[in-house]
């Protein structure tokens, strides 16, 4: 997958973003003979995706539909699962001690 190269049509081996609805997207690796199950039914890669234009509205087996989008950095980030990690007071104390922080220390937290 490349965010630099853009093509108008979905090809075998591409990664496409299946937009199911508001805040519901999933990345799919398009492969001949494969299929993807959604809440709207099955998407058959060979007949429903390959050769279609990115941005197309694709009808699923149960009659529902989805949009198939070209991956961009923004869509890729939004489609990946995000997990949070909680830091407890004891964890923070251990990190502070190991970094040898003291009043006046400059800390850059990068996520």
PDB file of N, CA and C in Angstrom:
ATOM      1  N   UNK A   1       0.844  -1.179   0.000  1.00  0.00           N
ATOM      2  CA  UNK A   1       0.000   0.000   0.000  1.00  0.00           C
ATOM      3  C   UNK A   1       0.883   1.233   0.000  1.00  0.00           C
ATOM      4  N   UNK A   2       0.512   2.181  -0.781  1.00  0.00           N
ATOM      5  CA  UNK A   2       1.255   3.423  -0.841  1.00  0.00           C
ATOM      6  C   UNK A   2       0.280   4.589  -0.830  1.00  0.00           C
ATOM      7  N   UNK A   3       0.587   5.594  -0.012  1.00  0.00           N
ATOM      8  CA  UNK A   3      -0.230   6.792  -0.004  1.00  0.00           C
ATOM      9  C   UNK A   3       0.205   7.747  -1.119  1.00  0.00           C
ATOM     10  N   UNK A   4       1.362   7.486  -1.723  1.00  0.00           N
ATOM     11  CA  UNK A   4       1.903   8.366  -2.747  1.00  0.00           C
ATOM     12  C   UNK A   4       1.261   8.067  -4.100  1.00  0.00           C
ATOM     13  N   UNK A   5       1.175   6.792  -4.438  1.00  0.00           N
ATOM     14  CA  UNK A   5       0.618   6.399  -5.726  1.00  0.00           C
ATOM     15  C   UNK A   5      -0.901   6.322  -5.626  1.00  0.00           C
ATOM     16  N   UNK A   6      -1.575   6.902  -6.580  1.00  0.00           N
ATOM     17  CA  UNK A   6      -3.031   6.903  -6.587  1.00  0.00           C
ATOM     18  C   UNK A   6      -3.510   6.284  -7.881  1.00  0.00           C
ATOM     19  N   UNK A   7      -4.517   5.424  -7.790  1.00  0.00           N
ATOM     20  CA  UNK A   7      -5.147   4.909  -8.998  1.00  0.00           C
ATOM     21  C   UNK A   7      -6.650   5.102  -8.863  1.00  0.00           C
ATOM     22  N   UNK A   8      -7.328   5.190  -9.963  1.00  0.00           N
ATOM     23  CA  UNK A   8      -8.771   5.417  -9.953  1.00  0.00           C
ATOM     24  C   UNK A   8      -9.566   4.142  -9.702  1.00  0.00           C
ATOM     25  N   UNK A   9      -8.971   2.997 -10.058  1.00  0.00           N
ATOM     26  CA  UNK A   9      -9.699   1.738  -9.982  1.00  0.00           C
ATOM     27  C   UNK A   9      -9.064   0.793  -8.971  1.00  0.00           C
ATOM     28  N   UNK A  10      -9.901   0.006  -8.315  1.00  0.00           N
ATOM     29  CA  UNK A  10      -9.442  -0.974  -7.324  1.00  0.00           C
ATOM     30  C   UNK A  10      -8.857  -2.170  -8.063  1.00  0.00           C
ATOM     31  N   UNK A  11      -7.673  -2.587  -7.636  1.00  0.00           N
ATOM     32  CA  UNK A  11      -6.989  -3.721  -8.264  1.00  0.00           C
ATOM     33  C   UNK A  11      -6.710  -4.797  -7.222  1.00  0.00           C
ATOM     34  N   UNK A  12      -6.480  -6.001  -7.690  1.00  0.00           N
ATOM     35  CA  UNK A  12      -6.115  -7.115  -6.824  1.00  0.00           C
ATOM     36  C   UNK A  12      -4.835  -6.758  -6.067  1.00  0.00           C
ATOM     37  N   UNK A  13      -4.835  -6.931  -4.756  1.00  0.00           N
ATOM     38  CA  UNK A  13      -3.674  -6.619  -3.940  1.00  0.00           C
ATOM     39  C   UNK A  13      -3.717  -5.251  -3.286  1.00  0.00           C
ATOM     40  N   UNK A  14      -4.648  -4.396  -3.705  1.00  0.00           N
ATOM     41  CA  UNK A  14      -4.787  -3.065  -3.105  1.00  0.00           C
ATOM     42  C   UNK A  14      -5.368  -3.163  -1.695  1.00  0.00           C
ATOM     43  N   UNK A  15      -5.146  -2.129  -0.920  1.00  0.00           N
ATOM     44  CA  UNK A  15      -5.834  -1.969   0.353  1.00  0.00           C
ATOM     45  C   UNK A  15      -6.868  -0.870   0.143  1.00  0.00           C
ATOM     46  N   UNK A  16      -8.115  -1.176   0.482  1.00  0.00           N
ATOM     47  CA  UNK A  16      -9.201  -0.212   0.338  1.00  0.00           C
ATOM     48  C   UNK A  16      -9.841   0.010   1.705  1.00  0.00           C
ATOM     49  N   UNK A  17     -10.390   1.180   1.898  1.00  0.00           N
ATOM     50  CA  UNK A  17     -11.096   1.499   3.132  1.00  0.00           C
ATOM     51  C   UNK A  17     -12.586   1.328   2.870  1.00  0.00           C
ATOM     52  N   UNK A  18     -13.220   0.412   3.600  1.00  0.00           N
ATOM     53  CA  UNK A  18     -14.660   0.197   3.474  1.00  0.00           C
ATOM     54  C   UNK A  18     -15.343   1.086   4.512  1.00  0.00           C
ATOM     55  N   UNK A  19     -16.099   2.062   4.028  1.00  0.00           N
ATOM     56  CA  UNK A  19     -16.799   3.019   4.894  1.00  0.00           C
ATOM     57  C   UNK A  19     -18.209   2.497   5.122  1.00  0.00           C
ATOM     58  N   UNK A  20     -18.465   2.026   6.356  1.00  0.00           N
ATOM     59  CA  UNK A  20     -19.753   1.426   6.694  1.00  0.00           C
ATOM     60  C   UNK A  20     -20.774   2.446   7.170  1.00  0.00           C
ATOM     61  N   UNK A  21     -20.316   3.570   7.675  1.00  0.00           N
ATOM     62  CA  UNK A  21     -21.213   4.583   8.196  1.00  0.00           C
ATOM     63  C   UNK A  21     -20.423   5.563   9.043  1.00  0.00           C
ATOM     64  N   UNK A  22     -21.137   6.427   9.744  1.00  0.00           N
ATOM     65  CA  UNK A  22     -20.506   7.451  10.567  1.00  0.00           C
ATOM     66  C   UNK A  22     -19.555   6.812  11.579  1.00  0.00           C
ATOM     67  N   UNK A  23     -18.279   7.177  11.519  1.00  0.00           N
ATOM     68  CA  UNK A  23     -17.230   6.665  12.416  1.00  0.00           C
ATOM     69  C   UNK A  23     -17.082   5.151  12.379  1.00  0.00           C
ATOM     70  N   UNK A  24     -17.370   4.523  11.251  1.00  0.00           N
ATOM     71  CA  UNK A  24     -17.222   3.082  11.123  1.00  0.00           C
ATOM     72  C   UNK A  24     -16.563   2.762   9.784  1.00  0.00           C
ATOM     73  N   UNK A  25     -15.232   2.567   9.834  1.00  0.00           N
ATOM     74  CA  UNK A  25     -14.464   2.242   8.634  1.00  0.00           C
ATOM     75  C   UNK A  25     -13.558   1.073   8.951  1.00  0.00           C
ATOM     76  N   UNK A  26     -13.258   0.284   7.940  1.00  0.00           N
ATOM     77  CA  UNK A  26     -12.342  -0.829   8.133  1.00  0.00           C
ATOM     78  C   UNK A  26     -11.454  -0.991   6.902  1.00  0.00           C
ATOM     79  N   UNK A  27     -10.143  -1.202   7.099  1.00  0.00           N
ATOM     80  CA  UNK A  27      -9.274  -1.449   5.949  1.00  0.00           C
ATOM     81  C   UNK A  27      -9.424  -2.892   5.473  1.00  0.00           C
ATOM     82  N   UNK A  28      -9.411  -3.094   4.163  1.00  0.00           N
ATOM     83  CA  UNK A  28      -9.567  -4.427   3.577  1.00  0.00           C
ATOM     84  C   UNK A  28      -8.500  -4.617   2.513  1.00  0.00           C
ATOM     85  N   UNK A  29      -7.780  -5.739   2.581  1.00  0.00           N
ATOM     86  CA  UNK A  29      -6.829  -6.086   1.514  1.00  0.00           C
ATOM     87  C   UNK A  29      -7.618  -6.821   0.445  1.00  0.00           C
ATOM     88  N   UNK A  30      -7.688  -6.238  -0.742  1.00  0.00           N
ATOM     89  CA  UNK A  30      -8.481  -6.786  -1.837  1.00  0.00           C
ATOM     90  C   UNK A  30      -7.716  -7.946  -2.469  1.00  0.00           C
ATOM     91  N   UNK A  31      -8.356  -9.119  -2.492  1.00  0.00           N
ATOM     92  CA  UNK A  31      -7.739 -10.308  -3.070  1.00  0.00           C
ATOM     93  C   UNK A  31      -8.768 -11.052  -3.911  1.00  0.00           C
ATOM     94  N   UNK A  32      -8.351 -11.498  -5.083  1.00  0.00           N
ATOM     95  CA  UNK A  32      -9.224 -12.246  -5.983  1.00  0.00           C
ATOM     96  C   UNK A  32      -9.724 -13.503  -5.261  1.00  0.00           C
ATOM     97  N   UNK A  33     -11.026 -13.696  -5.237  1.00  0.00           N
ATOM     98  CA  UNK A  33     -11.622 -14.874  -4.607  1.00  0.00           C
ATOM     99  C   UNK A  33     -11.958 -14.690  -3.126  1.00  0.00           C
ATOM    100  N   UNK A  34     -11.504 -13.611  -2.516  1.00  0.00           N
ATOM    101  CA  UNK A  34     -11.772 -13.380  -1.093  1.00  0.00           C
ATOM    102  C   UNK A  34     -13.097 -12.662  -0.916  1.00  0.00           C
ATOM    103  N   UNK A  35     -13.571 -12.638   0.311  1.00  0.00           N
ATOM    104  CA  UNK A  35     -14.776 -11.898   0.634  1.00  0.00           C
ATOM    105  C   UNK A  35     -14.662 -11.300   2.028  1.00  0.00           C
ATOM    106  N   UNK A  36     -15.390 -10.237   2.259  1.00  0.00           N
ATOM    107  CA  UNK A  36     -15.387  -9.544   3.537  1.00  0.00           C
ATOM    108  C   UNK A  36     -16.803  -9.500   4.065  1.00  0.00           C
ATOM    109  N   UNK A  37     -16.979  -9.898   5.318  1.00  0.00           N
ATOM    110  CA  UNK A  37     -18.290  -9.892   5.959  1.00  0.00           C
ATOM    111  C   UNK A  37     -18.513  -8.549   6.651  1.00  0.00           C
ATOM    112  N   UNK A  38     -19.635  -7.908   6.385  1.00  0.00           N
ATOM    113  CA  UNK A  38     -20.010  -6.670   7.065  1.00  0.00           C
ATOM    114  C   UNK A  38     -21.403  -6.865   7.653  1.00  0.00           C
ATOM    115  N   UNK A  39     -21.851  -5.895   8.424  1.00  0.00           N
ATOM    116  CA  UNK A  39     -23.202  -5.995   8.992  1.00  0.00           C
ATOM    117  C   UNK A  39     -24.276  -5.851   7.918  1.00  0.00           C
ATOM    118  N   UNK A  40     -23.886  -5.386   6.741  1.00  0.00           N
ATOM    119  CA  UNK A  40     -24.822  -5.246   5.625  1.00  0.00           C
ATOM    120  C   UNK A  40     -24.770  -6.436   4.667  1.00  0.00           C
ATOM    121  N   UNK A  41     -23.951  -7.421   4.972  1.00  0.00           N
ATOM    122  CA  UNK A  41     -23.816  -8.596   4.127  1.00  0.00           C
ATOM    123  C   UNK A  41     -22.387  -8.758   3.637  1.00  0.00           C
ATOM    124  N   UNK A  42     -22.202  -9.688   2.729  1.00  0.00           N
ATOM    125  CA  UNK A  42     -20.879 -10.044   2.220  1.00  0.00           C
ATOM    126  C   UNK A  42     -20.507  -9.162   1.043  1.00  0.00           C
ATOM    127  N   UNK A  43     -19.221  -8.775   0.997  1.00  0.00           N
ATOM    128  CA  UNK A  43     -18.651  -8.101  -0.168  1.00  0.00           C
ATOM    129  C   UNK A  43     -17.702  -9.104  -0.818  1.00  0.00           C
ATOM    130  N   UNK A  44     -17.980  -9.481  -2.052  1.00  0.00           N
ATOM    131  CA  UNK A  44     -17.110 -10.408  -2.782  1.00  0.00           C
ATOM    132  C   UNK A  44     -16.088  -9.584  -3.562  1.00  0.00           C
ATOM    133  N   UNK A  45     -14.829  -9.788  -3.245  1.00  0.00           N
ATOM    134  CA  UNK A  45     -13.770  -8.961  -3.823  1.00  0.00           C
ATOM    135  C   UNK A  45     -13.730  -9.072  -5.346  1.00  0.00           C
ATOM    136  N   UNK A  46     -13.837 -10.300  -5.867  1.00  0.00           N
ATOM    137  CA  UNK A  46     -13.696 -10.508  -7.319  1.00  0.00           C
ATOM    138  C   UNK A  46     -14.764  -9.776  -8.114  1.00  0.00           C
ATOM    139  N   UNK A  47     -16.005  -9.817  -7.638  1.00  0.00           N
ATOM    140  CA  UNK A  47     -17.101  -9.232  -8.415  1.00  0.00           C
ATOM    141  C   UNK A  47     -17.515  -7.846  -7.939  1.00  0.00           C
ATOM    142  N   UNK A  48     -17.387  -7.580  -6.635  1.00  0.00           N
ATOM    143  CA  UNK A  48     -17.881  -6.320  -6.085  1.00  0.00           C
ATOM    144  C   UNK A  48     -16.825  -5.222  -5.999  1.00  0.00           C
ATOM    145  N   UNK A  49     -15.534  -5.592  -5.910  1.00  0.00           N
ATOM    146  CA  UNK A  49     -14.498  -4.582  -5.698  1.00  0.00           C
ATOM    147  C   UNK A  49     -13.541  -4.412  -6.872  1.00  0.00           C
ATOM    148  N   UNK A  50     -12.939  -5.493  -7.324  1.00  0.00           N
ATOM    149  CA  UNK A  50     -11.902  -5.400  -8.359  1.00  0.00           C
ATOM    150  C   UNK A  50     -12.498  -4.804  -9.639  1.00  0.00           C
ATOM    151  N   UNK A  51     -11.875  -3.745 -10.116  1.00  0.00           N
ATOM    152  CA  UNK A  51     -12.325  -3.058 -11.324  1.00  0.00           C
ATOM    153  C   UNK A  51     -13.258  -1.888 -11.061  1.00  0.00           C
ATOM    154  N   UNK A  52     -13.739  -1.750  -9.830  1.00  0.00           N
ATOM    155  CA  UNK A  52     -14.614  -0.631  -9.479  1.00  0.00           C
ATOM    156  C   UNK A  52     -13.781   0.620  -9.205  1.00  0.00           C
ATOM    157  N   UNK A  53     -14.388   1.773  -9.346  1.00  0.00           N
ATOM    158  CA  UNK A  53     -13.716   3.033  -9.018  1.00  0.00           C
ATOM    159  C   UNK A  53     -13.696   3.214  -7.502  1.00  0.00           C
ATOM    160  N   UNK A  54     -12.583   3.777  -6.998  1.00  0.00           N
ATOM    161  CA  UNK A  54     -12.565   4.178  -5.601  1.00  0.00           C
ATOM    162  C   UNK A  54     -13.643   5.233  -5.408  1.00  0.00           C
ATOM    163  N   UNK A  55     -14.349   5.159  -4.295  1.00  0.00           N
ATOM    164  CA  UNK A  55     -15.457   6.067  -4.026  1.00  0.00           C
ATOM    165  C   UNK A  55     -16.795   5.483  -4.432  1.00  0.00           C
ATOM    166  N   UNK A  56     -16.762   4.289  -5.043  1.00  0.00           N
ATOM    167  CA  UNK A  56     -18.004   3.665  -5.498  1.00  0.00           C
ATOM    168  C   UNK A  56     -18.865   3.216  -4.325  1.00  0.00           C
ATOM    169  N   UNK A  57     -20.152   3.187  -4.576  1.00  0.00           N
ATOM    170  CA  UNK A  57     -21.128   2.657  -3.640  1.00  0.00           C
ATOM    171  C   UNK A  57     -21.320   1.193  -4.012  1.00  0.00           C
ATOM    172  N   UNK A  58     -20.976   0.288  -3.096  1.00  0.00           N
ATOM    173  CA  UNK A  58     -21.018  -1.146  -3.365  1.00  0.00           C
ATOM    174  C   UNK A  58     -22.177  -1.766  -2.595  1.00  0.00           C
ATOM    175  N   UNK A  59     -23.028  -2.525  -3.285  1.00  0.00           N
ATOM    176  CA  UNK A  59     -24.156  -3.203  -2.652  1.00  0.00           C
ATOM    177  C   UNK A  59     -23.694  -4.540  -2.083  1.00  0.00           C
ATOM    178  N   UNK A  60     -24.030  -4.791  -0.833  1.00  0.00           N
ATOM    179  CA  UNK A  60     -23.664  -6.031  -0.150  1.00  0.00           C
ATOM    180  C   UNK A  60     -24.761  -7.074  -0.353  1.00  0.00           C
ATOM    181  N   UNK A  61     -24.503  -8.314   0.074  1.00  0.00           N
ATOM    182  CA  UNK A  61     -25.416  -9.429  -0.187  1.00  0.00           C
ATOM    183  C   UNK A  61     -26.772  -9.289   0.498  1.00  0.00           C
ATOM    184  N   UNK A  62     -26.860  -8.569   1.620  1.00  0.00           N
ATOM    185  CA  UNK A  62     -28.145  -8.398   2.317  1.00  0.00           C
ATOM    186  C   UNK A  62     -28.911  -7.180   1.800  1.00  0.00           C
ATOM    187  N   UNK A  63     -28.390  -6.522   0.778  1.00  0.00           N
ATOM    188  CA  UNK A  63     -29.069  -5.371   0.204  1.00  0.00           C
ATOM    189  C   UNK A  63     -28.567  -4.040   0.732  1.00  0.00           C
ATOM    190  N   UNK A  64     -27.765  -4.056   1.796  1.00  0.00           N
ATOM    191  CA  UNK A  64     -27.173  -2.825   2.294  1.00  0.00           C
ATOM    192  C   UNK A  64     -26.027  -2.401   1.392  1.00  0.00           C
ATOM    193  N   UNK A  65     -25.485  -1.237   1.623  1.00  0.00           N
ATOM    194  CA  UNK A  65     -24.383  -0.762   0.788  1.00  0.00           C
ATOM    195  C   UNK A  65     -23.337  -0.061   1.633  1.00  0.00           C
ATOM    196  N   UNK A  66     -22.138   0.005   1.059  1.00  0.00           N
ATOM    197  CA  UNK A  66     -20.992   0.674   1.676  1.00  0.00           C
ATOM    198  C   UNK A  66     -20.275   1.471   0.594  1.00  0.00           C
ATOM    199  N   UNK A  67     -19.423   2.402   0.997  1.00  0.00           N
ATOM    200  CA  UNK A  67     -18.550   3.108   0.063  1.00  0.00           C
ATOM    201  C   UNK A  67     -17.145   2.538   0.202  1.00  0.00           C
ATOM    202  N   UNK A  68     -16.458   2.377  -0.908  1.00  0.00           N
ATOM    203  CA  UNK A  68     -15.090   1.878  -0.903  1.00  0.00           C
ATOM    204  C   UNK A  68     -14.175   3.033  -1.303  1.00  0.00           C
ATOM    205  N   UNK A  69     -13.274   3.407  -0.382  1.00  0.00           N
ATOM    206  CA  UNK A  69     -12.457   4.601  -0.548  1.00  0.00           C
ATOM    207  C   UNK A  69     -10.982   4.269  -0.706  1.00  0.00           C
ATOM    208  N   UNK A  70     -10.275   5.142  -1.400  1.00  0.00           N
ATOM    209  CA  UNK A  70      -8.821   5.013  -1.525  1.00  0.00           C
ATOM    210  C   UNK A  70      -8.197   5.399  -0.192  1.00  0.00           C
ATOM    211  N   UNK A  71      -7.239   4.613   0.317  1.00  0.00           N
ATOM    212  CA  UNK A  71      -6.644   4.966   1.607  1.00  0.00           C
ATOM    213  C   UNK A  71      -5.808   6.238   1.529  1.00  0.00           C
ATOM    214  N   UNK A  72      -6.019   7.108   2.480  1.00  0.00           N
ATOM    215  CA  UNK A  72      -5.202   8.304   2.672  1.00  0.00           C
ATOM    216  C   UNK A  72      -4.652   8.205   4.091  1.00  0.00           C
ATOM    217  N   UNK A  73      -3.639   8.953   4.428  1.00  0.00           N
ATOM    218  CA  UNK A  73      -3.141   8.892   5.812  1.00  0.00           C
ATOM    219  C   UNK A  73      -4.237   9.175   6.846  1.00  0.00           C
ATOM    220  N   UNK A  74      -5.132  10.112   6.537  1.00  0.00           N
ATOM    221  CA  UNK A  74      -6.209  10.448   7.480  1.00  0.00           C
ATOM    222  C   UNK A  74      -7.193   9.293   7.634  1.00  0.00           C
ATOM    223  N   UNK A  75      -7.616   8.693   6.518  1.00  0.00           N
ATOM    224  CA  UNK A  75      -8.550   7.565   6.582  1.00  0.00           C
ATOM    225  C   UNK A  75      -7.904   6.354   7.241  1.00  0.00           C
ATOM    226  N   UNK A  76      -6.621   6.127   6.945  1.00  0.00           N
ATOM    227  CA  UNK A  76      -5.906   4.994   7.535  1.00  0.00           C
ATOM    228  C   UNK A  76      -5.861   5.141   9.057  1.00  0.00           C
ATOM    229  N   UNK A  77      -5.546   6.321   9.537  1.00  0.00           N
ATOM    230  CA  UNK A  77      -5.484   6.563  10.977  1.00  0.00           C
ATOM    231  C   UNK A  77      -6.864   6.396  11.610  1.00  0.00           C
ATOM    232  N   UNK A  78      -7.894   6.915  10.964  1.00  0.00           N
ATOM    233  CA  UNK A  78      -9.247   6.820  11.514  1.00  0.00           C
ATOM    234  C   UNK A  78      -9.784   5.396  11.505  1.00  0.00           C
ATOM    235  N   UNK A  79      -9.317   4.556  10.581  1.00  0.00           N
ATOM    236  CA  UNK A  79      -9.861   3.197  10.469  1.00  0.00           C
ATOM    237  C   UNK A  79      -9.181   2.194  11.398  1.00  0.00           C
ATOM    238  N   UNK A  80      -7.996   2.525  11.909  1.00  0.00           N
ATOM    239  CA  UNK A  80      -7.310   1.605  12.800  1.00  0.00           C
ATOM    240  C   UNK A  80      -7.889   1.682  14.203  1.00  0.00           C
ATOM    241  N   UNK A  81      -7.888   0.544  14.925  1.00  0.00           N
ATOM    242  CA  UNK A  81      -8.414   0.582  16.293  1.00  0.00           C
ATOM    243  C   UNK A  81      -7.496   1.390  17.200  1.00  0.00           C
ATOM    244  N   UNK A  82      -8.093   2.186  18.054  1.00  0.00           N
ATOM    245  CA  UNK A  82      -7.332   2.989  19.009  1.00  0.00           C
ATOM    246  C   UNK A  82      -7.606   2.470  20.411  1.00  0.00           C
ATOM    247  N   UNK A  83      -6.556   2.167  21.118  1.00  0.00           N
ATOM    248  CA  UNK A  83      -6.694   1.711  22.493  1.00  0.00           C
ATOM    249  C   UNK A  83      -6.070   2.742  23.418  1.00  0.00           C
ATOM    250  N   UNK A  84      -6.636   2.872  24.589  1.00  0.00           N
ATOM    251  CA  UNK A  84      -6.062   3.778  25.568  1.00  0.00           C
ATOM    252  C   UNK A  84      -5.290   2.962  26.589  1.00  0.00           C
ATOM    253  N   UNK A  85      -4.329   3.574  27.190  1.00  0.00           N
ATOM    254  CA  UNK A  85      -3.554   2.925  28.229  1.00  0.00           C
ATOM    255  C   UNK A  85      -3.556   3.839  29.441  1.00  0.00           C
ATOM    256  N   UNK A  86      -4.014   3.292  30.554  1.00  0.00           N
ATOM    257  CA  UNK A  86      -4.115   4.080  31.774  1.00  0.00           C
ATOM    258  C   UNK A  86      -2.821   3.971  32.556  1.00  0.00           C
ATOM    259  N   UNK A  87      -2.283   5.107  32.981  1.00  0.00           N
ATOM    260  CA  UNK A  87      -1.120   5.127  33.861  1.00  0.00           C
ATOM    261  C   UNK A  87      -1.599   5.454  35.271  1.00  0.00           C
ATOM    262  N   UNK A  88      -1.291   4.573  36.191  1.00  0.00           N
ATOM    263  CA  UNK A  88      -1.664   4.780  37.582  1.00  0.00           C
ATOM    264  C   UNK A  88      -0.553   5.542  38.304  1.00  0.00           C
ATOM    265  N   UNK A  89      -0.898   6.064  39.459  1.00  0.00           N
ATOM    266  CA  UNK A  89       0.038   6.882  40.243  1.00  0.00           C
ATOM    267  C   UNK A  89       1.349   6.151  40.495  1.00  0.00           C
ATOM    268  N   UNK A  90       1.286   4.860  40.806  1.00  0.00           N
ATOM    269  CA  UNK A  90       2.527   4.103  41.065  1.00  0.00           C
ATOM    270  C   UNK A  90       3.377   3.994  39.809  1.00  0.00           C
ATOM    271  N   UNK A  91       2.727   3.842  38.641  1.00  0.00           N
ATOM    272  CA  UNK A  91       3.470   3.789  37.372  1.00  0.00           C
ATOM    273  C   UNK A  91       4.149   5.128  37.099  1.00  0.00           C
ATOM    274  N   UNK A  92       3.411   6.211  37.305  1.00  0.00           N
ATOM    275  CA  UNK A  92       3.960   7.550  37.072  1.00  0.00           C
ATOM    276  C   UNK A  92       5.142   7.809  38.005  1.00  0.00           C
ATOM    277  N   UNK A  93       5.007   7.373  39.260  1.00  0.00           N
ATOM    278  CA  UNK A  93       6.087   7.551  40.230  1.00  0.00           C
ATOM    279  C   UNK A  93       7.340   6.803  39.782  1.00  0.00           C
ATOM    280  N   UNK A  94       7.173   5.590  39.260  1.00  0.00           N
ATOM    281  CA  UNK A  94       8.316   4.786  38.806  1.00  0.00           C
ATOM    282  C   UNK A  94       8.994   5.447  37.603  1.00  0.00           C
ATOM    283  N   UNK A  95       8.215   5.931  36.659  1.00  0.00           N
ATOM    284  CA  UNK A  95       8.778   6.601  35.478  1.00  0.00           C
ATOM    285  C   UNK A  95       9.518   7.863  35.906  1.00  0.00           C
ATOM    286  N   UNK A  96       8.910   8.640  36.792  1.00  0.00           N
ATOM    287  CA  UNK A  96       9.539   9.870  37.281  1.00  0.00           C
ATOM    288  C   UNK A  96      10.867   9.570  37.956  1.00  0.00           C
ATOM    289  N   UNK A  97      10.892   8.501  38.770  1.00  0.00           N
ATOM    290  CA  UNK A  97      12.117   8.126  39.469  1.00  0.00           C
ATOM    291  C   UNK A  97      13.198   7.667  38.480  1.00  0.00           C
ATOM    292  N   UNK A  98      12.810   6.844  37.496  1.00  0.00           N
ATOM    293  CA  UNK A  98      13.785   6.313  36.543  1.00  0.00           C
ATOM    294  C   UNK A  98      14.355   7.417  35.634  1.00  0.00           C
ATOM    295  N   UNK A  99      13.552   8.459  35.374  1.00  0.00           N
ATOM    296  CA  UNK A  99      14.034   9.586  34.567  1.00  0.00           C
ATOM    297  C   UNK A  99      14.830  10.596  35.387  1.00  0.00           C
ATOM    298  N   UNK A 100      14.852  10.384  36.691  1.00  0.00           N
ATOM    299  CA  UNK A 100      15.551  11.287  37.610  1.00  0.00           C
ATOM    300  C   UNK A 100      15.076  12.732  37.433  1.00  0.00           C
ATOM    301  N   UNK A 101      13.758  12.888  37.379  1.00  0.00           N
ATOM    302  CA  UNK A 101      13.177  14.218  37.236  1.00  0.00           C
ATOM    303  C   UNK A 101      13.244  14.977  38.554  1.00  0.00           C
ATOM    304  N   UNK A 102      13.420  16.268  38.446  1.00  0.00           N
ATOM    305  CA  UNK A 102      13.452  17.142  39.633  1.00  0.00           C
ATOM    306  C   UNK A 102      12.826  18.467  39.232  1.00  0.00           C
ATOM    307  N   UNK A 103      12.499  19.335  40.181  1.00  0.00           N
ATOM    308  CA  UNK A 103      11.903  20.625  39.812  1.00  0.00           C
ATOM    309  C   UNK A 103      12.772  21.353  38.795  1.00  0.00           C
ATOM    310  N   UNK A 104      12.136  21.852  37.746  1.00  0.00           N
ATOM    311  CA  UNK A 104      12.843  22.562  36.693  1.00  0.00           C
ATOM    312  C   UNK A 104      13.192  21.680  35.487  1.00  0.00           C
ATOM    313  N   UNK A 105      13.025  20.353  35.623  1.00  0.00           N
ATOM    314  CA  UNK A 105      13.291  19.462  34.493  1.00  0.00           C
ATOM    315  C   UNK A 105      12.270  19.724  33.377  1.00  0.00           C
ATOM    316  N   UNK A 106      12.734  19.590  32.144  1.00  0.00           N
ATOM    317  CA  UNK A 106      11.856  19.765  30.988  1.00  0.00           C
ATOM    318  C   UNK A 106      11.517  18.376  30.448  1.00  0.00           C
ATOM    319  N   UNK A 107      10.216  18.092  30.295  1.00  0.00           N
ATOM    320  CA  UNK A 107       9.759  16.793  29.820  1.00  0.00           C
ATOM    321  C   UNK A 107       8.911  16.994  28.579  1.00  0.00           C
ATOM    322  N   UNK A 108       9.173  16.187  27.563  1.00  0.00           N
ATOM    323  CA  UNK A 108       8.365  16.211  26.343  1.00  0.00           C
ATOM    324  C   UNK A 108       7.640  14.881  26.265  1.00  0.00           C
ATOM    325  N   UNK A 109       6.314  14.893  26.395  1.00  0.00           N
ATOM    326  CA  UNK A 109       5.502  13.688  26.328  1.00  0.00           C
ATOM    327  C   UNK A 109       4.969  13.584  24.904  1.00  0.00           C
ATOM    328  N   UNK A 110       5.282  12.488  24.231  1.00  0.00           N
ATOM    329  CA  UNK A 110       4.928  12.379  22.810  1.00  0.00           C
ATOM    330  C   UNK A 110       3.871  11.319  22.537  1.00  0.00           C
ATOM    331  N   UNK A 111       3.131  10.940  23.504  1.00  0.00           N
ATOM    332  CA  UNK A 111       2.058   9.968  23.261  1.00  0.00           C
ATOM    333  C   UNK A 111       2.493   8.633  23.712  1.00  0.00           C
TER     334      UNK A 111
END
